[in-house]
Amino acid sequence: MIKQKATLLLADGTVFHGSLIGKPGTNGGEICFNTGMTGYQEIYTDPSYTGQIVVTSTPHIGNYGVHAEEIESDHPCVAGIVVNSFSDVHSRHDASGTLQDYLVNYGITGIADIDTRMLVRHLRSKGAMNAIISSEFEDNLEGLKAELDKVPDMNGLELSSTVCTQEPYFVGDEKSDIKVACLDFGIKKNILRNLVSRGAYCKVYPAKTKLAEIQAWGPDAYFLSNGPGDPAVMEYAVDTVKDILETGKPVFGICLGHQLLAEAVGIKTYKMHHGHRGLNHPIKNLLTGKSEITSQNHGFNVVREDTENHPNVEITHVHLNDNTVAGIRLKDRPAFAVQYHPESSPGPHDSRYLFDEFIALIDKN
């Protein structure tokens, strides 16, 4: 079979030529890379990747197809994918289909047969930037540049309200004694599975839901989810988190939820050079002295200096690669958050204890 050509153009002018995968077309976003060796379907369906083109550094993608249960949302959320070697067949007996058909069905455009090692090294050096993938501008680079100019900058971009649920819904056993209100900024299904497996009955609310509506349900605690975009422009969410903190009920945040908790207590966030995305990020728990191997996916973080100087916030976890803040807790109320994904399975389940600690806080309260 003759492969259709495709082009990847980066904002700094770097061009890669390769083969089309997924649906023919043109699509742009912020390009980033994930260093995970497995889990491409979980990556592609993670709402936190909305508006992003994802480069997978592992060289072979598609070999185990797709599976109906290995999703973090109901559809792929990425703006595009970039891989080295792509397999449009699979050898997995219980796969529900090929990755190629999955991408086509959901309108995702990607590019294969390029040197992803070179590309990842380039992005680590130059930093995250916008890019565009196209099967339509092979001989018209200027036209492709014009299309790339239309792609919005992730810095200052609010996306959570576009990917969250539009109506509240319930997960778990309605007879449970524990009711957790989950603010959906782009929540992953496995987070809800971890809460439900610990006896929580969850009601998931759209990102812009006001506290008064949530309180009418009578929750025992609040969860702030992961999600895409820049937390610094999510004033609506920061205001809601401030109101939630005033209730004195337990609060747990993950990833974007971590950043929003920080913003709510006056700690600023910033856009990282190229972010943390992968399955092997080392975290140290400063409270126990133990290290954890974690899954991460974020391009923003909290300002360490602000956190260290805050009289009411304690840093609980740090990233051992670059010493960035990876976890905080408030000193005067039961609220804490982490900048990584304890619900994920990078191999070990080192960080699942955080859900246990959240439930324990609810029981104490």
Protein backbone atom coordinates (compact mmCIF):
# COMPACT_ATOMS: atom_id res chain seq x y z
CA MET A 1 0.00 0.00 0.00
CA ILE A 2 1.32 3.43 -0.96
CA LYS A 3 1.49 5.75 2.03
CA GLN A 4 0.04 9.23 1.74
CA LYS A 5 2.54 11.97 2.53
CA ALA A 6 2.19 14.38 5.43
CA THR A 7 4.10 17.37 6.77
CA LEU A 8 4.81 18.55 10.30
CA LEU A 9 5.69 22.24 10.65
CA LEU A 10 6.88 23.75 13.94
CA ALA A 11 6.49 27.40 14.89
CA ASP A 12 10.27 27.91 14.75
CA GLY A 13 10.25 26.88 11.08
CA THR A 14 11.48 23.30 11.52
CA VAL A 15 9.87 20.97 8.99
CA PHE A 16 9.47 17.17 9.05
CA HIS A 17 8.15 15.11 6.14
CA GLY A 18 6.56 11.74 6.81
CA SER A 19 3.50 9.57 6.24
CA LEU A 20 -0.12 10.30 7.06
CA ILE A 21 -1.81 8.31 9.83
CA GLY A 22 -5.37 8.75 10.94
CA LYS A 23 -7.72 10.97 8.97
CA PRO A 24 -6.43 13.09 6.07
CA GLY A 25 -6.54 16.79 6.86
CA THR A 26 -4.80 19.65 8.64
CA ASN A 27 -4.76 20.30 12.37
CA GLY A 28 -2.61 22.32 14.76
CA GLY A 29 -1.90 22.72 18.44
CA GLU A 30 0.90 23.01 20.95
CA ILE A 31 3.39 20.21 20.34
CA CYS A 32 4.69 18.28 23.35
CA PHE A 33 6.18 14.86 24.01
CA ASN A 34 5.38 11.93 26.26
CA THR A 35 8.14 9.52 27.27
CA GLY A 36 5.87 6.63 28.33
CA MET A 37 6.71 3.21 26.88
CA THR A 38 3.07 2.08 26.95
CA GLY A 39 -0.41 3.54 27.34
CA TYR A 40 -0.85 5.43 24.08
CA GLN A 41 -4.64 5.05 24.19
CA GLU A 42 -4.80 6.49 27.71
CA ILE A 43 -2.63 9.38 26.52
CA TYR A 44 -4.76 10.14 23.47
CA THR A 45 -8.02 10.09 25.49
CA ASP A 46 -6.76 12.21 28.40
CA PRO A 47 -8.69 15.53 28.33
CA SER A 48 -5.59 17.31 29.64
CA TYR A 49 -4.10 16.92 26.14
CA THR A 50 -6.84 19.01 24.53
CA GLY A 51 -5.31 21.45 22.06
CA GLN A 52 -2.00 19.56 21.93
CA ILE A 53 -0.12 17.50 19.36
CA VAL A 54 1.54 14.62 21.20
CA VAL A 55 4.87 13.11 20.20
CA THR A 56 5.40 9.65 21.68
CA SER A 57 9.08 9.00 22.23
CA THR A 58 8.68 5.22 22.30
CA PRO A 59 9.39 4.21 18.69
CA HIS A 60 6.55 1.78 17.91
CA ILE A 61 2.89 2.79 18.27
CA GLY A 62 -0.31 0.93 17.42
CA ASN A 63 0.97 -2.63 17.87
CA TYR A 64 -1.62 -3.57 20.52
CA GLY A 65 -4.56 -1.81 18.90
CA VAL A 66 -7.23 -0.17 21.02
CA HIS A 67 -9.40 -1.53 23.81
CA ALA A 68 -12.80 -0.25 24.85
CA GLU A 69 -11.86 -0.13 28.55
CA GLU A 70 -8.50 1.61 28.21
CA ILE A 71 -9.83 5.12 27.89
CA GLU A 72 -9.75 8.20 30.11
CA SER A 73 -12.65 9.89 28.29
CA ASP A 74 -15.19 8.90 25.65
CA HIS A 75 -13.05 9.97 22.69
CA PRO A 76 -9.53 11.07 21.74
CA CYS A 77 -8.74 14.58 22.97
CA VAL A 78 -5.40 15.25 21.24
CA ALA A 79 -5.10 17.70 18.37
CA GLY A 80 -2.79 15.29 16.54
CA ILE A 81 -0.15 12.62 17.06
CA VAL A 82 3.46 12.20 15.93
CA VAL A 83 5.12 8.77 15.91
CA ASN A 84 8.15 7.02 14.49
CA SER A 85 6.94 3.57 13.45
CA PHE A 86 3.17 3.12 13.19
CA SER A 87 1.35 -0.20 13.02
CA ASP A 88 -2.07 -0.27 11.36
CA VAL A 89 -2.50 -3.91 12.42
CA HIS A 90 -2.35 -5.46 15.86
CA SER A 91 -1.80 -8.85 17.46
CA ARG A 92 -3.89 -8.44 20.62
CA HIS A 93 -6.68 -11.02 20.86
CA ASP A 94 -9.12 -8.84 22.81
CA ALA A 95 -8.50 -5.52 21.06
CA SER A 96 -11.63 -3.80 19.82
CA GLY A 97 -9.90 -2.54 16.67
CA THR A 98 -6.82 -0.95 15.16
CA LEU A 99 -5.45 2.39 16.23
CA GLN A 100 -5.64 3.55 12.61
CA ASP A 101 -9.40 2.94 12.40
CA TYR A 102 -9.85 4.55 15.82
CA LEU A 103 -8.06 7.71 14.71
CA VAL A 104 -10.02 7.89 11.46
CA ASN A 105 -13.35 7.37 13.24
CA TYR A 106 -12.66 10.31 15.54
CA GLY A 107 -11.09 12.59 12.95
CA ILE A 108 -7.56 12.66 14.36
CA THR A 109 -4.74 13.53 11.95
CA GLY A 110 -1.22 12.28 12.63
CA ILE A 111 2.17 11.78 11.06
CA ALA A 112 4.54 8.78 11.14
CA ASP A 113 7.92 7.79 9.75
CA ILE A 114 9.82 10.73 11.18
CA ASP A 115 12.78 10.82 13.57
CA THR A 116 10.95 11.32 16.86
CA ARG A 117 14.19 11.07 18.81
CA MET A 118 15.47 14.12 16.96
CA LEU A 119 12.15 15.91 17.45
CA VAL A 120 12.01 15.22 21.19
CA ARG A 121 15.59 16.46 21.63
CA HIS A 122 14.65 19.58 19.68
CA LEU A 123 11.61 20.26 21.87
CA ARG A 124 13.62 19.68 25.06
CA SER A 125 16.10 22.29 23.84
CA LYS A 126 13.73 24.85 22.30
CA GLY A 127 10.68 24.28 24.49
CA ALA A 128 7.04 23.62 23.75
CA MET A 129 5.70 25.53 20.76
CA ASN A 130 2.81 25.47 18.33
CA ALA A 131 2.90 23.11 15.36
CA ILE A 132 0.67 21.83 12.60
CA ILE A 133 0.25 18.48 10.83
CA SER A 134 -1.14 18.33 7.31
CA SER A 135 -1.66 15.98 4.39
CA GLU A 136 -2.96 18.88 2.27
CA PHE A 137 -0.06 21.34 1.92
CA GLU A 138 2.73 19.14 0.58
CA ASP A 139 3.92 21.69 -1.98
CA ASN A 140 2.70 24.83 -0.25
CA LEU A 141 4.75 25.53 2.85
CA GLU A 142 3.72 29.18 2.91
CA GLY A 143 0.09 28.14 2.99
CA LEU A 144 0.82 25.78 5.86
CA LYS A 145 2.59 28.57 7.74
CA ALA A 146 -0.53 30.71 7.34
CA GLU A 147 -2.62 27.92 8.85
CA LEU A 148 -0.16 27.54 11.73
CA ASP A 149 -0.48 31.25 12.51
CA LYS A 150 -4.17 30.63 13.28
CA VAL A 151 -3.43 28.16 16.09
CA PRO A 152 -4.00 29.80 19.52
CA ASP A 153 -1.20 30.02 22.09
CA MET A 154 -1.65 27.68 25.06
CA ASN A 155 -0.40 30.43 27.37
CA GLY A 156 -3.57 32.30 28.37
CA LEU A 157 -5.93 29.71 26.88
CA GLU A 158 -8.97 28.51 28.85
CA LEU A 159 -10.09 25.03 27.75
CA SER A 160 -11.68 23.28 30.72
CA SER A 161 -15.17 24.65 30.10
CA THR A 162 -15.04 23.21 26.56
CA VAL A 163 -14.09 19.65 27.56
CA CYS A 164 -15.98 19.15 30.84
CA THR A 165 -19.37 17.53 31.21
CA GLN A 166 -22.23 19.84 30.33
CA GLU A 167 -24.61 18.24 32.85
CA PRO A 168 -23.94 16.79 36.32
CA TYR A 169 -23.81 12.99 36.57
CA PHE A 170 -23.33 10.37 39.27
CA VAL A 171 -20.76 7.60 39.66
CA GLY A 172 -20.78 4.96 42.39
CA ASP A 173 -23.24 3.58 44.95
CA GLU A 174 -25.93 6.07 45.92
CA LYS A 175 -26.27 4.29 49.28
CA SER A 176 -22.69 5.17 50.24
CA ASP A 177 -22.06 7.22 53.36
CA ILE A 178 -19.41 9.29 51.55
CA LYS A 179 -20.50 11.91 49.03
CA VAL A 180 -17.76 13.59 46.99
CA ALA A 181 -18.47 16.53 44.69
CA CYS A 182 -16.07 16.44 41.75
CA LEU A 183 -15.46 19.58 39.74
CA ASP A 184 -14.80 18.44 36.17
CA PHE A 185 -12.09 20.49 34.49
CA GLY A 186 -11.28 17.53 32.22
CA ILE A 187 -11.54 14.62 34.63
CA LYS A 188 -10.05 11.19 33.85
CA LYS A 189 -12.26 8.13 34.27
CA ASN A 190 -9.67 6.33 36.37
CA ILE A 191 -9.78 9.07 39.01
CA LEU A 192 -13.47 8.38 39.48
CA ARG A 193 -12.79 4.62 39.59
CA ASN A 194 -10.30 5.16 42.42
CA LEU A 195 -12.74 7.28 44.42
CA VAL A 196 -15.63 4.87 43.89
CA SER A 197 -13.51 1.83 44.80
CA ARG A 198 -12.91 3.46 48.18
CA GLY A 199 -16.60 3.83 48.89
CA ALA A 200 -17.24 7.34 47.53
CA TYR A 201 -20.46 8.26 45.78
CA CYS A 202 -19.44 10.96 43.31
CA LYS A 203 -21.42 13.69 41.63
CA VAL A 204 -19.46 15.23 38.78
CA TYR A 205 -20.19 18.88 38.01
CA PRO A 206 -19.39 21.10 35.00
CA ALA A 207 -16.35 23.32 35.46
CA LYS A 208 -18.30 26.55 35.91
CA THR A 209 -20.76 25.27 38.52
CA LYS A 210 -21.16 27.62 41.48
CA LEU A 211 -20.72 26.42 45.05
CA ALA A 212 -24.36 27.10 45.99
CA GLU A 213 -25.55 24.53 43.47
CA ILE A 214 -23.01 21.97 44.66
CA GLN A 215 -23.84 22.52 48.32
CA ALA A 216 -27.50 21.77 47.64
CA TRP A 217 -26.45 18.14 47.15
CA GLY A 218 -24.78 18.08 50.57
CA PRO A 219 -21.30 16.72 49.74
CA ASP A 220 -18.89 15.59 52.43
CA ALA A 221 -15.82 16.63 50.42
CA TYR A 222 -14.67 18.19 47.15
CA PHE A 223 -12.38 16.94 44.41
CA LEU A 224 -10.66 19.28 41.90
CA SER A 225 -9.82 17.44 38.70
CA ASN A 226 -7.08 17.54 36.11
CA GLY A 227 -7.67 19.32 32.81
CA PRO A 228 -6.17 21.35 29.97
CA GLY A 229 -5.21 24.98 29.54
CA ASP A 230 -3.77 27.81 31.59
CA PRO A 231 -4.92 27.96 35.25
CA ALA A 232 -4.00 31.64 35.52
CA VAL A 233 -6.96 32.65 33.32
CA MET A 234 -9.53 30.44 35.08
CA GLU A 235 -10.86 33.08 37.46
CA TYR A 236 -14.24 31.39 37.62
CA ALA A 237 -12.65 28.20 38.96
CA VAL A 238 -10.30 29.99 41.36
CA ASP A 239 -13.25 31.87 42.87
CA THR A 240 -15.17 28.61 43.33
CA VAL A 241 -12.17 26.94 45.00
CA LYS A 242 -11.91 29.91 47.38
CA ASP A 243 -15.56 29.42 48.30
CA ILE A 244 -15.05 25.67 48.74
CA LEU A 245 -12.16 26.26 51.14
CA GLU A 246 -14.42 28.43 53.29
CA THR A 247 -16.69 25.43 53.90
CA GLY A 248 -13.93 23.68 55.86
CA LYS A 249 -14.69 20.38 54.09
CA PRO A 250 -11.84 18.16 52.79
CA VAL A 251 -10.43 19.11 49.38
CA PHE A 252 -8.19 17.04 47.10
CA GLY A 253 -6.78 18.29 43.79
CA ILE A 254 -4.85 16.59 41.00
CA CYS A 255 -2.76 18.33 38.31
CA LEU A 256 -4.86 21.34 37.17
CA GLY A 257 -6.73 20.97 40.45
CA HIS A 258 -3.38 21.37 42.23
CA GLN A 259 -2.70 24.57 40.31
CA LEU A 260 -6.17 25.97 41.01
CA LEU A 261 -5.82 25.28 44.74
CA ALA A 262 -2.52 27.17 44.66
CA GLU A 263 -4.05 30.11 42.77
CA ALA A 264 -6.94 30.19 45.25
CA VAL A 265 -4.56 30.83 48.16
CA GLY A 266 -2.46 33.41 46.30
CA ILE A 267 0.29 31.26 44.78
CA LYS A 268 0.98 32.05 41.13
CA THR A 269 1.38 29.53 38.33
CA TYR A 270 3.63 29.66 35.27
CA LYS A 271 4.09 27.97 31.92
CA MET A 272 6.94 25.47 31.93
CA HIS A 273 9.64 25.26 29.27
CA HIS A 274 8.54 21.88 27.95
CA GLY A 275 6.49 20.35 30.77
CA HIS A 276 6.44 16.94 32.41
CA ARG A 277 4.79 14.13 30.45
CA GLY A 278 5.57 10.47 30.95
CA LEU A 279 5.39 7.44 33.21
CA ASN A 280 8.72 7.54 35.01
CA HIS A 281 8.86 10.85 36.86
CA PRO A 282 10.47 10.56 40.31
CA ILE A 283 8.70 12.31 43.18
CA LYS A 284 9.84 12.59 46.80
CA ASN A 285 7.28 12.73 49.56
CA LEU A 286 8.81 15.18 52.04
CA LEU A 287 6.50 14.01 54.83
CA THR A 288 7.59 10.35 54.70
CA GLY A 289 10.97 10.60 52.97
CA LYS A 290 9.86 8.00 50.42
CA SER A 291 10.11 8.33 46.65
CA GLU A 292 7.43 7.49 44.10
CA ILE A 293 7.52 6.67 40.39
CA THR A 294 4.71 8.70 38.89
CA SER A 295 2.75 9.42 35.75
CA GLN A 296 2.67 13.10 34.81
CA ASN A 297 1.10 15.32 32.18
CA HIS A 298 1.32 19.06 32.70
CA GLY A 299 2.74 22.12 31.02
CA PHE A 300 2.07 24.54 33.89
CA ASN A 301 3.25 24.50 37.50
CA VAL A 302 3.11 26.53 40.69
CA VAL A 303 5.80 29.08 41.54
CA ARG A 304 8.11 27.51 44.11
CA GLU A 305 9.18 30.80 45.70
CA ASP A 306 5.56 31.82 46.27
CA THR A 307 4.85 28.43 47.84
CA GLU A 308 7.88 28.51 50.14
CA ASN A 309 7.01 32.02 51.33
CA HIS A 310 3.32 31.32 51.94
CA PRO A 311 2.64 31.22 55.69
CA ASN A 312 -0.26 28.79 55.38
CA VAL A 313 1.01 26.33 52.76
CA GLU A 314 3.41 23.41 53.15
CA ILE A 315 5.25 21.76 50.27
CA THR A 316 4.65 18.02 50.63
CA HIS A 317 6.19 16.63 47.42
CA VAL A 318 8.96 17.69 45.04
CA HIS A 319 9.97 16.51 41.57
CA LEU A 320 13.45 15.00 41.85
CA ASN A 321 14.47 15.86 38.28
CA ASP A 322 14.10 19.63 38.57
CA ASN A 323 13.02 20.30 42.18
CA THR A 324 9.66 21.78 41.13
CA VAL A 325 6.73 21.71 43.53
CA ALA A 326 4.78 18.46 43.15
CA GLY A 327 2.46 18.59 46.15
CA ILE A 328 1.07 21.04 48.72
CA ARG A 329 -1.25 21.07 51.69
CA LEU A 330 -2.85 23.86 53.69
CA LYS A 331 -1.93 24.15 57.34
CA ASP A 332 -5.27 25.37 58.67
CA ARG A 333 -7.77 23.18 56.83
CA PRO A 334 -8.03 19.69 55.27
CA ALA A 335 -6.96 20.57 51.74
CA PHE A 336 -4.13 19.10 49.69
CA ALA A 337 -3.14 18.51 46.07
CA VAL A 338 -0.47 16.96 43.86
CA GLN A 339 1.00 17.85 40.48
CA TYR A 340 0.94 14.28 39.15
CA HIS A 341 -1.50 11.42 38.56
CA PRO A 342 -1.83 8.94 41.46
CA GLU A 343 -4.67 7.15 39.66
CA SER A 344 -2.41 6.11 36.78
CA SER A 345 -0.38 2.93 36.48
CA PRO A 346 3.20 3.77 35.48
CA GLY A 347 4.09 0.26 36.63
CA PRO A 348 3.91 0.49 40.41
CA HIS A 349 0.95 2.03 42.22
CA ASP A 350 3.20 4.12 44.43
CA SER A 351 0.81 7.05 44.80
CA ARG A 352 -2.61 5.44 45.30
CA TYR A 353 -2.27 6.14 49.03
CA LEU A 354 -3.32 9.73 48.31
CA PHE A 355 -6.88 8.58 47.67
CA ASP A 356 -6.80 6.71 50.98
CA GLU A 357 -5.63 9.87 52.74
CA PHE A 358 -8.47 11.83 51.15
CA ILE A 359 -11.05 9.32 52.37
CA ALA A 360 -9.44 9.37 55.83
CA LEU A 361 -9.83 13.16 55.93
CA ILE A 362 -13.52 12.77 55.11
CA ASP A 363 -13.97 10.22 57.89
CA LYS A 364 -12.28 12.57 60.38
CA ASN A 365 -14.41 15.48 59.29
